[in-house]
């Protein structure tokens, strides 16, 4: 095999690995996007649970005068002798919102103690640098070798 053909073969292999692993639609990018999606889903689930808690607190404060008084004392630093007045709001005819229950349990976000992987652009840089040096090394190594066979015919 000539040095040029060997270098081209190594180039094709490196290009295939780069496209399959590190390109914008490669495996590494897809894994990053899946982790980001999991983190976003966990954040949405956390916000849904927090929202349900706040809606419950709102409902409790609307209906319970004692709870409203305690909350007002806590946040507005009212004394024990202060009186809290609650004004009735006009009742609207809007339907009650249905409560959403999260379909899955809360998942922990992150890698949970596993090793932290380097950024993708750094992996791409080192892979391309390694590939260039590998291709040049194969080419120059094969260029320096003595031909193994004699091209003369043996009749």
N, C-alpha and C. Protein backbone atom coordinates (compact mmCIF):
# COMPACT_ATOMS: atom_id res chain seq x y z
N UNK A 1 0.86 -1.17 0.00
CA UNK A 1 0.00 0.00 0.00
C UNK A 1 0.91 1.23 0.00
N UNK A 2 0.56 2.17 -0.84
CA UNK A 2 1.38 3.38 -0.93
C UNK A 2 1.09 4.29 0.25
N UNK A 3 2.04 5.18 0.56
CA UNK A 3 1.81 6.10 1.68
C UNK A 3 0.59 6.99 1.47
N UNK A 4 0.34 7.40 0.24
CA UNK A 4 -0.81 8.25 -0.04
C UNK A 4 -2.11 7.51 0.22
N UNK A 5 -2.20 6.26 -0.25
CA UNK A 5 -3.42 5.49 -0.05
C UNK A 5 -3.65 5.19 1.43
N UNK A 6 -2.58 4.88 2.14
CA UNK A 6 -2.71 4.60 3.58
C UNK A 6 -3.17 5.85 4.32
N UNK A 7 -2.60 7.00 3.95
CA UNK A 7 -3.01 8.25 4.60
C UNK A 7 -4.46 8.58 4.29
N UNK A 8 -4.88 8.35 3.06
CA UNK A 8 -6.29 8.58 2.70
C UNK A 8 -7.22 7.65 3.47
N UNK A 9 -6.80 6.39 3.63
CA UNK A 9 -7.60 5.45 4.39
C UNK A 9 -7.76 5.91 5.85
N UNK A 10 -6.65 6.33 6.45
CA UNK A 10 -6.71 6.83 7.83
C UNK A 10 -7.57 8.10 7.89
N UNK A 11 -7.47 8.96 6.87
CA UNK A 11 -8.29 10.17 6.82
C UNK A 11 -9.77 9.82 6.78
N UNK A 12 -10.15 8.86 5.95
CA UNK A 12 -11.55 8.45 5.86
C UNK A 12 -12.05 7.87 7.19
N UNK A 13 -11.20 7.07 7.84
CA UNK A 13 -11.60 6.48 9.12
C UNK A 13 -11.79 7.58 10.17
N UNK A 14 -10.85 8.52 10.23
CA UNK A 14 -10.95 9.62 11.21
C UNK A 14 -12.17 10.50 10.92
N UNK A 15 -12.42 10.76 9.63
CA UNK A 15 -13.59 11.58 9.27
C UNK A 15 -14.89 10.87 9.65
N UNK A 16 -14.95 9.57 9.41
CA UNK A 16 -16.14 8.80 9.79
C UNK A 16 -16.36 8.81 11.29
N UNK A 17 -15.29 8.63 12.06
CA UNK A 17 -15.42 8.69 13.52
C UNK A 17 -15.86 10.07 13.98
N UNK A 18 -15.28 11.11 13.37
CA UNK A 18 -15.66 12.47 13.76
C UNK A 18 -17.14 12.73 13.47
N UNK A 19 -17.57 12.36 12.27
CA UNK A 19 -18.98 12.59 11.91
C UNK A 19 -19.93 11.78 12.78
N UNK A 20 -19.53 10.57 13.13
CA UNK A 20 -20.40 9.72 13.94
C UNK A 20 -20.43 10.10 15.41
N UNK A 21 -19.30 10.59 15.93
CA UNK A 21 -19.22 10.85 17.36
C UNK A 21 -19.34 12.32 17.74
N UNK A 22 -18.59 13.19 17.05
CA UNK A 22 -18.43 14.56 17.56
C UNK A 22 -19.10 15.64 16.73
N UNK A 23 -19.73 15.31 15.62
CA UNK A 23 -20.34 16.35 14.78
C UNK A 23 -21.61 16.88 15.45
N UNK A 24 -22.23 17.86 14.82
CA UNK A 24 -23.44 18.49 15.38
C UNK A 24 -24.60 17.49 15.50
N UNK A 25 -24.59 16.43 14.71
CA UNK A 25 -25.64 15.42 14.82
C UNK A 25 -25.06 14.09 15.30
N UNK A 26 -23.90 14.12 15.93
CA UNK A 26 -23.25 12.92 16.40
C UNK A 26 -23.77 12.45 17.75
N UNK A 27 -23.20 11.36 18.20
CA UNK A 27 -23.65 10.73 19.44
C UNK A 27 -23.41 11.63 20.64
N UNK A 28 -22.27 12.30 20.70
CA UNK A 28 -21.96 13.14 21.87
C UNK A 28 -22.96 14.30 21.98
N UNK A 29 -23.31 14.90 20.85
CA UNK A 29 -24.27 16.02 20.87
C UNK A 29 -25.66 15.52 21.28
N UNK A 30 -26.03 14.35 20.80
CA UNK A 30 -27.34 13.79 21.17
C UNK A 30 -27.40 13.47 22.66
N UNK A 31 -26.30 12.95 23.20
CA UNK A 31 -26.27 12.64 24.64
C UNK A 31 -26.37 13.93 25.45
N UNK A 32 -25.71 15.01 25.01
CA UNK A 32 -25.79 16.28 25.70
C UNK A 32 -27.22 16.82 25.67
N UNK A 33 -27.86 16.71 24.51
CA UNK A 33 -29.24 17.19 24.38
C UNK A 33 -30.20 16.36 25.24
N UNK A 34 -29.97 15.05 25.33
CA UNK A 34 -30.83 14.20 26.17
C UNK A 34 -30.67 14.56 27.65
N UNK A 35 -29.42 14.83 28.09
CA UNK A 35 -29.22 15.26 29.48
C UNK A 35 -29.90 16.59 29.74
N UNK A 36 -29.80 17.50 28.78
CA UNK A 36 -30.45 18.81 28.93
C UNK A 36 -31.97 18.65 29.00
N UNK A 37 -32.52 17.75 28.18
CA UNK A 37 -33.96 17.48 28.21
C UNK A 37 -34.37 16.89 29.56
N UNK A 38 -33.58 15.98 30.10
CA UNK A 38 -33.89 15.41 31.41
C UNK A 38 -33.85 16.48 32.50
N UNK A 39 -32.86 17.37 32.42
CA UNK A 39 -32.78 18.45 33.41
C UNK A 39 -33.99 19.38 33.31
N UNK A 40 -34.40 19.68 32.08
CA UNK A 40 -35.56 20.55 31.90
C UNK A 40 -36.84 19.87 32.38
N UNK A 41 -36.98 18.58 32.11
CA UNK A 41 -38.16 17.85 32.59
C UNK A 41 -38.20 17.81 34.11
N UNK A 42 -37.03 17.61 34.74
CA UNK A 42 -36.99 17.62 36.20
C UNK A 42 -37.35 18.99 36.75
N UNK A 43 -36.89 20.04 36.09
CA UNK A 43 -37.21 21.41 36.52
C UNK A 43 -38.71 21.67 36.37
N UNK A 44 -39.31 21.20 35.27
CA UNK A 44 -40.75 21.38 35.07
C UNK A 44 -41.53 20.63 36.14
N UNK A 45 -41.11 19.41 36.45
CA UNK A 45 -41.79 18.64 37.49
C UNK A 45 -41.68 19.33 38.85
N UNK A 46 -40.50 19.87 39.14
CA UNK A 46 -40.31 20.58 40.40
C UNK A 46 -41.22 21.81 40.47
N UNK A 47 -41.32 22.53 39.35
CA UNK A 47 -42.18 23.71 39.32
C UNK A 47 -43.66 23.35 39.43
N UNK A 48 -44.05 22.21 38.86
CA UNK A 48 -45.44 21.77 38.98
C UNK A 48 -45.78 21.47 40.43
N UNK A 49 -44.87 20.78 41.11
CA UNK A 49 -45.10 20.46 42.52
C UNK A 49 -45.12 21.73 43.36
N UNK A 50 -44.19 22.66 43.08
CA UNK A 50 -44.17 23.93 43.80
C UNK A 50 -45.45 24.73 43.54
N UNK A 51 -45.92 24.70 42.30
CA UNK A 51 -47.16 25.40 41.95
C UNK A 51 -48.35 24.81 42.70
N UNK A 52 -48.40 23.49 42.78
CA UNK A 52 -49.49 22.86 43.52
C UNK A 52 -49.46 23.26 44.99
N UNK A 53 -48.26 23.34 45.56
CA UNK A 53 -48.14 23.77 46.95
C UNK A 53 -48.60 25.20 47.14
N UNK A 54 -48.23 26.07 46.20
CA UNK A 54 -48.65 27.47 46.30
C UNK A 54 -50.15 27.63 46.10
N UNK A 55 -50.74 26.84 45.21
CA UNK A 55 -52.19 26.89 45.02
C UNK A 55 -52.91 26.42 46.28
N UNK A 56 -52.36 25.40 46.92
CA UNK A 56 -52.96 24.91 48.16
C UNK A 56 -52.85 25.98 49.25
N UNK A 57 -51.71 26.63 49.31
CA UNK A 57 -51.52 27.70 50.29
C UNK A 57 -52.48 28.85 50.02
N UNK A 58 -52.67 29.20 48.75
CA UNK A 58 -53.61 30.26 48.38
C UNK A 58 -55.03 29.89 48.79
N UNK A 59 -55.43 28.67 48.53
CA UNK A 59 -56.77 28.21 48.89
C UNK A 59 -56.96 28.24 50.41
N UNK A 60 -55.92 27.83 51.14
CA UNK A 60 -55.99 27.83 52.60
C UNK A 60 -56.10 29.25 53.14
N UNK A 61 -55.33 30.18 52.54
CA UNK A 61 -55.38 31.57 53.01
C UNK A 61 -56.69 32.25 52.67
N UNK A 62 -57.34 31.84 51.59
CA UNK A 62 -58.63 32.42 51.22
C UNK A 62 -59.72 31.99 52.20
N UNK A 63 -59.64 30.76 52.67
CA UNK A 63 -60.74 30.20 53.46
C UNK A 63 -60.51 30.26 54.97
N UNK A 64 -59.29 30.37 55.42
CA UNK A 64 -59.00 30.28 56.85
C UNK A 64 -58.47 31.62 57.34
N UNK A 65 -59.24 32.30 58.17
CA UNK A 65 -58.86 33.62 58.69
C UNK A 65 -57.65 33.51 59.61
N UNK A 66 -57.57 32.45 60.41
CA UNK A 66 -56.45 32.28 61.33
C UNK A 66 -55.14 32.10 60.56
N UNK A 67 -55.17 31.26 59.51
CA UNK A 67 -53.97 31.04 58.70
C UNK A 67 -53.55 32.33 58.02
N UNK A 68 -54.51 33.13 57.56
CA UNK A 68 -54.21 34.41 56.93
C UNK A 68 -53.56 35.35 57.94
N UNK A 69 -54.07 35.35 59.15
CA UNK A 69 -53.52 36.22 60.18
C UNK A 69 -52.08 35.80 60.53
N UNK A 70 -51.85 34.51 60.64
CA UNK A 70 -50.49 34.03 60.94
C UNK A 70 -49.51 34.38 59.82
N UNK A 71 -49.95 34.23 58.60
CA UNK A 71 -49.10 34.55 57.45
C UNK A 71 -48.79 36.04 57.42
N UNK A 72 -49.77 36.87 57.70
CA UNK A 72 -49.57 38.32 57.72
C UNK A 72 -48.60 38.71 58.83
N UNK A 73 -48.73 38.08 59.98
CA UNK A 73 -47.81 38.39 61.08
C UNK A 73 -46.37 37.97 60.73
N UNK A 74 -46.25 36.87 60.05
CA UNK A 74 -44.92 36.36 59.72
C UNK A 74 -44.22 37.27 58.70
N UNK A 75 -44.91 37.66 57.65
CA UNK A 75 -44.28 38.41 56.56
C UNK A 75 -44.28 39.93 56.76
N UNK A 76 -45.26 40.44 57.49
CA UNK A 76 -45.35 41.89 57.64
C UNK A 76 -44.98 42.35 59.05
N UNK A 77 -44.47 41.42 59.86
CA UNK A 77 -43.99 41.71 61.21
C UNK A 77 -45.03 42.47 62.04
N UNK A 78 -46.24 41.96 62.00
CA UNK A 78 -47.32 42.57 62.78
C UNK A 78 -47.26 42.05 64.21
N UNK A 79 -47.70 42.89 65.12
CA UNK A 79 -47.71 42.48 66.53
C UNK A 79 -48.94 41.60 66.78
N UNK A 80 -48.98 41.01 67.97
CA UNK A 80 -50.09 40.14 68.34
C UNK A 80 -51.40 40.92 68.52
N UNK A 81 -51.29 42.21 68.84
CA UNK A 81 -52.51 42.99 69.06
C UNK A 81 -53.04 43.60 67.77
N UNK A 82 -52.29 43.51 66.68
CA UNK A 82 -52.75 44.10 65.42
C UNK A 82 -53.88 43.25 64.85
N UNK A 83 -54.79 43.89 64.17
CA UNK A 83 -55.91 43.19 63.55
C UNK A 83 -55.69 43.13 62.04
N UNK A 84 -56.02 42.00 61.47
CA UNK A 84 -55.89 41.81 60.02
C UNK A 84 -57.29 41.82 59.43
N UNK A 85 -57.50 42.69 58.48
CA UNK A 85 -58.79 42.77 57.81
C UNK A 85 -58.67 42.13 56.43
N UNK A 86 -59.67 41.33 56.12
CA UNK A 86 -59.70 40.68 54.82
C UNK A 86 -60.91 41.18 54.07
N UNK A 87 -60.69 41.72 52.89
CA UNK A 87 -61.79 42.21 52.08
C UNK A 87 -62.21 41.12 51.12
N UNK A 88 -63.52 40.95 50.99
CA UNK A 88 -64.06 39.94 50.09
C UNK A 88 -63.88 40.39 48.65
N UNK A 89 -63.45 39.48 47.84
CA UNK A 89 -63.32 39.77 46.42
C UNK A 89 -64.60 39.38 45.73
N UNK A 90 -64.86 40.00 44.59
CA UNK A 90 -66.06 39.62 43.84
C UNK A 90 -65.84 38.22 43.27
N UNK A 91 -66.88 37.44 43.33
CA UNK A 91 -66.78 36.06 42.88
C UNK A 91 -66.99 36.03 41.38
N UNK A 92 -66.01 35.50 40.69
CA UNK A 92 -66.13 35.42 39.22
C UNK A 92 -66.68 34.06 38.85
N UNK A 93 -67.17 33.94 37.66
CA UNK A 93 -67.79 32.71 37.18
C UNK A 93 -66.80 31.84 36.40
N UNK A 94 -65.52 31.99 36.67
CA UNK A 94 -64.56 31.18 35.93
C UNK A 94 -64.52 29.77 36.52
N UNK A 95 -64.34 28.77 35.67
CA UNK A 95 -64.30 27.39 36.16
C UNK A 95 -62.99 27.12 36.91
N UNK A 96 -63.03 26.18 37.81
CA UNK A 96 -61.86 25.79 38.58
C UNK A 96 -60.87 25.05 37.66
N UNK A 97 -59.61 25.39 37.78
CA UNK A 97 -58.60 24.74 36.95
C UNK A 97 -58.41 23.30 37.41
N UNK A 98 -58.30 22.38 36.46
CA UNK A 98 -58.03 20.99 36.87
C UNK A 98 -56.60 20.88 37.38
N UNK A 99 -56.42 20.06 38.39
CA UNK A 99 -55.10 19.87 38.98
C UNK A 99 -54.32 18.86 38.16
N UNK A 100 -53.08 19.22 37.88
CA UNK A 100 -52.20 18.33 37.13
C UNK A 100 -51.34 17.54 38.09
N UNK A 101 -51.31 16.25 37.90
CA UNK A 101 -50.46 15.39 38.70
C UNK A 101 -49.30 14.97 37.82
N UNK A 102 -48.06 15.14 38.27
CA UNK A 102 -46.94 14.75 37.42
C UNK A 102 -47.00 13.27 37.09
N UNK A 103 -46.70 12.97 35.82
CA UNK A 103 -46.79 11.59 35.36
C UNK A 103 -45.69 10.71 35.95
N UNK A 104 -44.53 11.30 36.17
CA UNK A 104 -43.42 10.53 36.72
C UNK A 104 -42.96 11.19 38.02
N UNK A 105 -42.19 10.46 38.75
CA UNK A 105 -41.66 11.01 39.99
C UNK A 105 -40.52 11.96 39.68
N UNK A 106 -40.15 12.76 40.66
CA UNK A 106 -39.04 13.69 40.46
C UNK A 106 -37.74 12.90 40.32
N UNK A 107 -36.99 13.29 39.31
CA UNK A 107 -35.68 12.67 39.11
C UNK A 107 -34.62 13.66 39.51
N UNK A 108 -33.53 13.15 39.98
CA UNK A 108 -32.44 14.05 40.33
C UNK A 108 -31.74 14.48 39.06
N UNK A 109 -31.43 15.74 38.98
CA UNK A 109 -30.75 16.28 37.81
C UNK A 109 -29.25 16.16 38.01
N UNK A 110 -28.54 16.04 36.92
CA UNK A 110 -27.09 16.00 36.99
C UNK A 110 -26.56 14.59 36.83
N UNK A 111 -25.27 14.44 37.01
CA UNK A 111 -24.60 13.17 36.78
C UNK A 111 -24.43 12.35 38.05
N UNK A 112 -24.89 12.84 39.17
CA UNK A 112 -24.88 12.14 40.46
C UNK A 112 -23.51 11.56 40.81
N UNK A 113 -22.50 12.40 40.82
CA UNK A 113 -21.20 11.98 41.29
C UNK A 113 -20.31 11.34 40.25
N UNK A 114 -20.77 11.18 39.03
CA UNK A 114 -19.92 10.61 38.00
C UNK A 114 -18.93 11.66 37.53
N UNK A 115 -17.98 11.23 36.71
CA UNK A 115 -16.95 12.16 36.25
C UNK A 115 -17.57 13.20 35.32
N UNK A 116 -16.98 14.36 35.37
CA UNK A 116 -17.47 15.48 34.56
C UNK A 116 -16.77 15.42 33.22
N UNK A 117 -17.54 15.38 32.15
CA UNK A 117 -16.93 15.29 30.83
C UNK A 117 -16.53 16.68 30.33
N UNK A 118 -15.48 16.74 29.53
CA UNK A 118 -15.04 18.05 29.02
C UNK A 118 -16.03 18.58 27.99
N UNK A 119 -15.97 19.87 27.71
CA UNK A 119 -16.88 20.44 26.71
C UNK A 119 -16.64 19.82 25.34
N UNK A 120 -17.67 19.83 24.53
CA UNK A 120 -17.62 19.18 23.23
C UNK A 120 -16.62 19.85 22.30
N UNK A 121 -16.49 21.18 22.35
CA UNK A 121 -15.55 21.85 21.45
C UNK A 121 -14.12 21.44 21.77
N UNK A 122 -13.81 21.14 23.04
CA UNK A 122 -12.47 20.71 23.41
C UNK A 122 -12.21 19.30 22.89
N UNK A 123 -13.21 18.43 22.99
CA UNK A 123 -13.06 17.08 22.43
C UNK A 123 -12.84 17.14 20.92
N UNK A 124 -13.60 18.01 20.25
CA UNK A 124 -13.43 18.16 18.80
C UNK A 124 -12.03 18.63 18.46
N UNK A 125 -11.52 19.62 19.20
CA UNK A 125 -10.19 20.16 18.93
C UNK A 125 -9.13 19.07 19.08
N UNK A 126 -9.17 18.31 20.19
CA UNK A 126 -8.16 17.28 20.41
C UNK A 126 -8.31 16.14 19.41
N UNK A 127 -9.52 15.80 19.02
CA UNK A 127 -9.70 14.73 18.04
C UNK A 127 -9.14 15.14 16.68
N UNK A 128 -9.41 16.37 16.27
CA UNK A 128 -8.90 16.83 14.98
C UNK A 128 -7.38 16.93 15.02
N UNK A 129 -6.81 17.43 16.12
CA UNK A 129 -5.35 17.51 16.24
C UNK A 129 -4.74 16.12 16.19
N UNK A 130 -5.31 15.18 16.93
CA UNK A 130 -4.81 13.80 16.92
C UNK A 130 -4.91 13.20 15.53
N UNK A 131 -6.02 13.44 14.84
CA UNK A 131 -6.21 12.88 13.50
C UNK A 131 -5.18 13.43 12.53
N UNK A 132 -4.92 14.72 12.57
CA UNK A 132 -3.94 15.32 11.66
C UNK A 132 -2.56 14.73 11.91
N UNK A 133 -2.15 14.63 13.17
CA UNK A 133 -0.84 14.06 13.47
C UNK A 133 -0.78 12.59 13.11
N UNK A 134 -1.87 11.86 13.28
CA UNK A 134 -1.89 10.45 12.90
C UNK A 134 -1.75 10.28 11.40
N UNK A 135 -2.46 11.07 10.63
CA UNK A 135 -2.40 10.98 9.17
C UNK A 135 -1.00 11.33 8.68
N UNK A 136 -0.44 12.42 9.21
CA UNK A 136 0.92 12.80 8.80
C UNK A 136 1.94 11.76 9.24
N UNK A 137 1.77 11.20 10.42
CA UNK A 137 2.69 10.16 10.90
C UNK A 137 2.66 8.93 10.03
N UNK A 138 1.47 8.48 9.64
CA UNK A 138 1.34 7.31 8.77
C UNK A 138 1.99 7.60 7.42
N UNK A 139 1.73 8.77 6.88
CA UNK A 139 2.28 9.11 5.57
C UNK A 139 3.81 9.13 5.59
N UNK A 140 4.40 9.84 6.56
CA UNK A 140 5.86 9.96 6.59
C UNK A 140 6.53 8.65 7.00
N UNK A 141 5.90 7.87 7.85
CA UNK A 141 6.47 6.57 8.23
C UNK A 141 6.51 5.63 7.04
N UNK A 142 5.42 5.58 6.28
CA UNK A 142 5.40 4.70 5.09
C UNK A 142 6.28 5.26 3.98
N UNK A 143 6.47 6.54 3.94
CA UNK A 143 7.31 7.16 2.92
C UNK A 143 8.77 6.77 3.16
N UNK A 144 9.20 6.64 4.42
CA UNK A 144 10.59 6.32 4.76
C UNK A 144 10.91 4.84 4.60
N UNK A 145 9.92 3.97 4.63
CA UNK A 145 10.18 2.54 4.53
C UNK A 145 10.69 2.18 3.15
N UNK A 146 11.55 1.20 3.11
CA UNK A 146 12.05 0.69 1.83
C UNK A 146 10.97 -0.18 1.21
N UNK A 147 10.86 -0.14 -0.10
CA UNK A 147 9.87 -1.01 -0.75
C UNK A 147 10.16 -2.47 -0.44
N UNK A 148 9.15 -3.25 -0.16
CA UNK A 148 9.31 -4.65 0.23
C UNK A 148 9.43 -5.58 -0.98
N UNK A 149 8.81 -5.21 -2.05
CA UNK A 149 8.84 -6.11 -3.20
C UNK A 149 9.56 -5.42 -4.35
N UNK A 150 10.11 -6.24 -5.23
CA UNK A 150 10.79 -5.73 -6.41
C UNK A 150 9.78 -5.67 -7.53
N UNK A 151 9.78 -4.57 -8.26
CA UNK A 151 8.79 -4.42 -9.31
C UNK A 151 9.20 -5.08 -10.62
N UNK A 152 10.39 -5.69 -10.68
CA UNK A 152 10.82 -6.39 -11.90
C UNK A 152 10.11 -7.72 -12.00
N UNK A 153 9.85 -8.09 -13.22
CA UNK A 153 9.23 -9.40 -13.48
C UNK A 153 10.25 -10.50 -13.40
N UNK A 154 9.86 -11.61 -12.87
CA UNK A 154 10.76 -12.76 -12.77
C UNK A 154 10.37 -13.80 -13.79
N UNK A 155 10.77 -13.68 -15.03
CA UNK A 155 10.46 -14.67 -16.07
C UNK A 155 11.48 -15.73 -16.13
